[in-house]
Amino acid sequence: MIDADSRYSQSTIAPVVVGKQVRFVIVPGEQRAYTFNYQFYQVLQGDRIDNLAFKFYGDPLRWWVIADANPQRMDWGSLVPGEIIRVPTVVQQ
């Protein structure tokens, strides 16, 4: 089941046979249009992306909104204090 608040909410889940095992994959659905404005945030000691998502959106599971706005960063496991990241304000169309 895909949560209605998920970025995959317009997608479906399909079974795929790999060897002798069945695995489930997300098949992207129709994309929703959105725009966003950024605010810039300077990372503090101890910050984690899930905690920042909670701070800005009230939901730690929305960490991907911040990750999508910072495609230059691949590893979110260790934020560097002093680093500047973009935090979007998402507006659904």
N, C-alpha and C. Protein backbone atom coordinates (compact mmCIF):
# COMPACT_ATOMS: atom_id res chain seq x y z
N MET A 1 0.84 -1.18 0.00
CA MET A 1 0.00 0.00 0.00
C MET A 1 0.88 1.24 0.00
N ILE A 2 0.51 2.23 -0.79
CA ILE A 2 1.27 3.47 -0.87
C ILE A 2 0.49 4.56 -0.15
N ASP A 3 1.15 5.21 0.77
CA ASP A 3 0.52 6.28 1.56
C ASP A 3 0.09 7.42 0.64
N ALA A 4 -1.06 7.98 0.90
CA ALA A 4 -1.61 9.07 0.09
C ALA A 4 -0.72 10.31 0.12
N ASP A 5 0.11 10.49 1.15
CA ASP A 5 1.01 11.64 1.25
C ASP A 5 2.36 11.39 0.59
N SER A 6 2.59 10.18 0.12
CA SER A 6 3.87 9.81 -0.45
C SER A 6 4.08 10.43 -1.82
N ARG A 7 5.34 10.62 -2.19
CA ARG A 7 5.63 11.09 -3.55
C ARG A 7 5.26 10.03 -4.58
N TYR A 8 4.99 8.82 -4.14
CA TYR A 8 4.59 7.73 -5.03
C TYR A 8 3.08 7.49 -5.02
N SER A 9 2.32 8.42 -4.49
CA SER A 9 0.88 8.21 -4.32
C SER A 9 0.14 7.97 -5.64
N GLN A 10 0.66 8.44 -6.75
CA GLN A 10 0.01 8.23 -8.05
C GLN A 10 0.57 6.99 -8.76
N SER A 11 1.34 6.19 -8.05
CA SER A 11 1.97 5.01 -8.62
C SER A 11 1.25 3.74 -8.19
N THR A 12 1.66 2.62 -8.78
CA THR A 12 1.12 1.32 -8.40
C THR A 12 2.27 0.41 -8.01
N ILE A 13 1.94 -0.69 -7.36
CA ILE A 13 2.93 -1.69 -7.00
C ILE A 13 2.68 -2.92 -7.87
N ALA A 14 3.75 -3.45 -8.48
CA ALA A 14 3.62 -4.60 -9.36
C ALA A 14 4.60 -5.70 -8.94
N PRO A 15 4.17 -6.97 -9.05
CA PRO A 15 5.07 -8.08 -8.74
C PRO A 15 6.02 -8.33 -9.91
N VAL A 16 7.28 -8.63 -9.59
CA VAL A 16 8.29 -8.96 -10.59
C VAL A 16 8.99 -10.23 -10.11
N VAL A 17 9.14 -11.20 -11.00
CA VAL A 17 9.82 -12.44 -10.64
C VAL A 17 11.31 -12.28 -10.93
N VAL A 18 12.13 -12.48 -9.89
CA VAL A 18 13.58 -12.40 -10.02
C VAL A 18 14.12 -13.75 -9.57
N GLY A 19 14.61 -14.53 -10.53
CA GLY A 19 15.00 -15.90 -10.22
C GLY A 19 13.74 -16.68 -9.87
N LYS A 20 13.69 -17.16 -8.64
CA LYS A 20 12.49 -17.87 -8.17
C LYS A 20 11.73 -17.07 -7.12
N GLN A 21 12.14 -15.83 -6.92
CA GLN A 21 11.50 -14.99 -5.91
C GLN A 21 10.63 -13.93 -6.57
N VAL A 22 9.55 -13.60 -5.89
CA VAL A 22 8.69 -12.51 -6.33
C VAL A 22 9.06 -11.28 -5.51
N ARG A 23 9.35 -10.21 -6.21
CA ARG A 23 9.64 -8.93 -5.56
C ARG A 23 8.63 -7.92 -6.07
N PHE A 24 8.39 -6.91 -5.25
CA PHE A 24 7.42 -5.89 -5.63
C PHE A 24 8.15 -4.59 -5.92
N VAL A 25 7.76 -3.94 -7.00
CA VAL A 25 8.38 -2.69 -7.41
C VAL A 25 7.31 -1.61 -7.58
N ILE A 26 7.74 -0.39 -7.46
CA ILE A 26 6.83 0.74 -7.68
C ILE A 26 6.88 1.11 -9.15
N VAL A 27 5.72 1.16 -9.77
CA VAL A 27 5.60 1.59 -11.16
C VAL A 27 5.09 3.03 -11.14
N PRO A 28 5.92 3.98 -11.58
CA PRO A 28 5.52 5.38 -11.51
C PRO A 28 4.21 5.65 -12.25
N GLY A 29 3.38 6.45 -11.63
CA GLY A 29 2.11 6.86 -12.23
C GLY A 29 2.23 8.27 -12.77
N GLU A 30 1.11 8.86 -13.04
CA GLU A 30 1.09 10.22 -13.56
C GLU A 30 1.69 11.17 -12.53
N GLN A 31 2.54 12.05 -12.99
CA GLN A 31 3.20 13.00 -12.11
C GLN A 31 2.29 14.18 -11.82
N ARG A 32 2.33 14.65 -10.58
CA ARG A 32 1.59 15.85 -10.20
C ARG A 32 2.50 17.06 -10.37
N ALA A 33 1.95 18.11 -10.90
CA ALA A 33 2.72 19.34 -11.05
C ALA A 33 2.85 20.04 -9.71
N TYR A 34 3.98 20.64 -9.47
CA TYR A 34 4.18 21.43 -8.27
C TYR A 34 5.26 22.47 -8.51
N THR A 35 5.25 23.49 -7.73
CA THR A 35 6.32 24.48 -7.74
C THR A 35 6.79 24.63 -6.31
N PHE A 36 7.94 25.20 -6.15
CA PHE A 36 8.41 25.42 -4.79
C PHE A 36 9.37 26.60 -4.73
N ASN A 37 9.40 27.20 -3.60
CA ASN A 37 10.37 28.23 -3.28
C ASN A 37 11.32 27.63 -2.27
N TYR A 38 12.53 28.13 -2.26
CA TYR A 38 13.53 27.63 -1.31
C TYR A 38 13.72 28.60 -0.17
N GLN A 39 14.05 28.04 0.96
CA GLN A 39 14.71 28.83 1.99
C GLN A 39 16.03 28.11 2.21
N PHE A 40 17.04 28.83 2.57
CA PHE A 40 18.33 28.22 2.79
C PHE A 40 18.50 27.97 4.28
N TYR A 41 19.14 26.84 4.59
CA TYR A 41 19.33 26.44 5.98
C TYR A 41 20.78 26.05 6.18
N GLN A 42 21.38 26.57 7.24
CA GLN A 42 22.75 26.21 7.58
C GLN A 42 22.71 25.07 8.58
N VAL A 43 23.30 23.95 8.20
CA VAL A 43 23.29 22.74 9.01
C VAL A 43 24.00 22.97 10.33
N LEU A 44 23.37 22.49 11.40
CA LEU A 44 23.94 22.56 12.75
C LEU A 44 24.46 21.19 13.18
N GLN A 45 25.34 21.18 14.16
CA GLN A 45 25.86 19.93 14.70
C GLN A 45 24.69 19.05 15.15
N GLY A 46 24.68 17.80 14.73
CA GLY A 46 23.65 16.86 15.15
C GLY A 46 22.42 16.82 14.27
N ASP A 47 22.33 17.72 13.27
CA ASP A 47 21.17 17.70 12.36
C ASP A 47 21.16 16.41 11.55
N ARG A 48 19.94 15.90 11.34
CA ARG A 48 19.71 14.76 10.45
C ARG A 48 18.58 15.16 9.52
N ILE A 49 18.55 14.58 8.33
CA ILE A 49 17.54 14.96 7.35
C ILE A 49 16.13 14.67 7.84
N ASP A 50 15.93 13.58 8.57
CA ASP A 50 14.58 13.28 9.06
C ASP A 50 14.15 14.29 10.12
N ASN A 51 15.09 14.72 10.96
CA ASN A 51 14.77 15.73 11.96
C ASN A 51 14.47 17.09 11.31
N LEU A 52 15.20 17.39 10.24
CA LEU A 52 14.92 18.64 9.52
C LEU A 52 13.55 18.59 8.86
N ALA A 53 13.17 17.43 8.32
CA ALA A 53 11.85 17.28 7.73
C ALA A 53 10.77 17.49 8.79
N PHE A 54 11.00 16.98 9.98
CA PHE A 54 10.04 17.19 11.06
C PHE A 54 9.97 18.67 11.44
N LYS A 55 11.14 19.30 11.52
CA LYS A 55 11.20 20.72 11.89
C LYS A 55 10.46 21.60 10.89
N PHE A 56 10.65 21.34 9.59
CA PHE A 56 10.07 22.20 8.57
C PHE A 56 8.69 21.77 8.09
N TYR A 57 8.39 20.46 8.15
CA TYR A 57 7.12 19.96 7.60
C TYR A 57 6.24 19.25 8.62
N GLY A 58 6.78 19.03 9.82
CA GLY A 58 6.00 18.33 10.84
C GLY A 58 5.92 16.83 10.61
N ASP A 59 6.75 16.30 9.70
CA ASP A 59 6.70 14.88 9.38
C ASP A 59 8.10 14.41 8.96
N PRO A 60 8.74 13.56 9.77
CA PRO A 60 10.08 13.10 9.42
C PRO A 60 10.13 12.25 8.15
N LEU A 61 9.00 11.69 7.74
CA LEU A 61 8.95 10.87 6.53
C LEU A 61 8.98 11.69 5.26
N ARG A 62 8.90 13.00 5.38
CA ARG A 62 8.97 13.88 4.20
C ARG A 62 10.40 14.36 3.94
N TRP A 63 11.38 13.61 4.45
CA TRP A 63 12.80 13.93 4.25
C TRP A 63 13.14 14.03 2.76
N TRP A 64 12.44 13.25 1.93
CA TRP A 64 12.74 13.22 0.50
C TRP A 64 12.48 14.56 -0.17
N VAL A 65 11.62 15.40 0.39
CA VAL A 65 11.37 16.73 -0.19
C VAL A 65 12.67 17.54 -0.14
N ILE A 66 13.36 17.48 0.98
CA ILE A 66 14.64 18.17 1.13
C ILE A 66 15.69 17.52 0.23
N ALA A 67 15.73 16.20 0.21
CA ALA A 67 16.71 15.50 -0.63
C ALA A 67 16.52 15.84 -2.11
N ASP A 68 15.28 15.86 -2.58
CA ASP A 68 15.02 16.18 -3.98
C ASP A 68 15.46 17.60 -4.34
N ALA A 69 15.44 18.51 -3.38
CA ALA A 69 15.83 19.90 -3.62
C ALA A 69 17.34 20.10 -3.61
N ASN A 70 18.07 19.07 -3.24
CA ASN A 70 19.53 19.15 -3.15
C ASN A 70 20.17 17.98 -3.89
N PRO A 71 19.98 17.90 -5.22
CA PRO A 71 20.45 16.73 -5.97
C PRO A 71 21.97 16.57 -5.99
N GLN A 72 22.71 17.61 -5.66
CA GLN A 72 24.16 17.52 -5.63
C GLN A 72 24.65 16.68 -4.46
N ARG A 73 23.81 16.47 -3.47
CA ARG A 73 24.19 15.69 -2.29
C ARG A 73 23.64 14.29 -2.43
N MET A 74 24.53 13.30 -2.38
CA MET A 74 24.11 11.90 -2.53
C MET A 74 24.00 11.18 -1.19
N ASP A 75 24.81 11.57 -0.21
CA ASP A 75 24.84 10.89 1.08
C ASP A 75 24.22 11.78 2.15
N TRP A 76 23.05 11.40 2.62
CA TRP A 76 22.38 12.18 3.66
C TRP A 76 22.65 11.61 5.04
N GLY A 77 23.53 10.64 5.13
CA GLY A 77 23.81 10.02 6.42
C GLY A 77 24.69 10.86 7.33
N SER A 78 25.39 11.81 6.77
CA SER A 78 26.28 12.62 7.60
C SER A 78 26.29 14.06 7.10
N LEU A 79 25.43 14.89 7.67
CA LEU A 79 25.40 16.30 7.32
C LEU A 79 26.57 17.00 7.99
N VAL A 80 27.16 17.95 7.28
CA VAL A 80 28.33 18.67 7.77
C VAL A 80 27.90 20.00 8.37
N PRO A 81 28.18 20.23 9.66
CA PRO A 81 27.83 21.52 10.25
C PRO A 81 28.41 22.68 9.44
N GLY A 82 27.59 23.69 9.20
CA GLY A 82 28.01 24.84 8.41
C GLY A 82 27.60 24.74 6.96
N GLU A 83 27.30 23.55 6.48
CA GLU A 83 26.85 23.36 5.10
C GLU A 83 25.50 24.05 4.90
N ILE A 84 25.31 24.61 3.72
CA ILE A 84 24.05 25.28 3.38
C ILE A 84 23.26 24.35 2.46
N ILE A 85 22.02 24.07 2.83
CA ILE A 85 21.14 23.26 1.99
C ILE A 85 19.87 24.04 1.68
N ARG A 86 19.19 23.63 0.62
CA ARG A 86 17.91 24.24 0.27
C ARG A 86 16.78 23.45 0.92
N VAL A 87 15.83 24.16 1.49
CA VAL A 87 14.63 23.56 2.07
C VAL A 87 13.45 24.17 1.34
N PRO A 88 12.74 23.38 0.53
CA PRO A 88 11.65 23.95 -0.24
C PRO A 88 10.35 24.08 0.51
N THR A 89 9.58 25.07 0.07
CA THR A 89 8.20 25.20 0.47
C THR A 89 7.41 24.71 -0.73
N VAL A 90 6.80 23.54 -0.59
CA VAL A 90 6.14 22.89 -1.73
C VAL A 90 4.72 23.42 -1.88
N VAL A 91 4.34 23.71 -3.12
CA VAL A 91 2.99 24.17 -3.44
C VAL A 91 2.44 23.23 -4.51
N GLN A 92 1.41 22.44 -4.17
CA GLN A 92 0.79 21.53 -5.14
C GLN A 92 -0.02 22.35 -6.14
N GLN A 93 -0.04 21.93 -7.37
CA GLN A 93 -0.81 22.60 -8.43
C GLN A 93 -2.14 21.91 -8.61
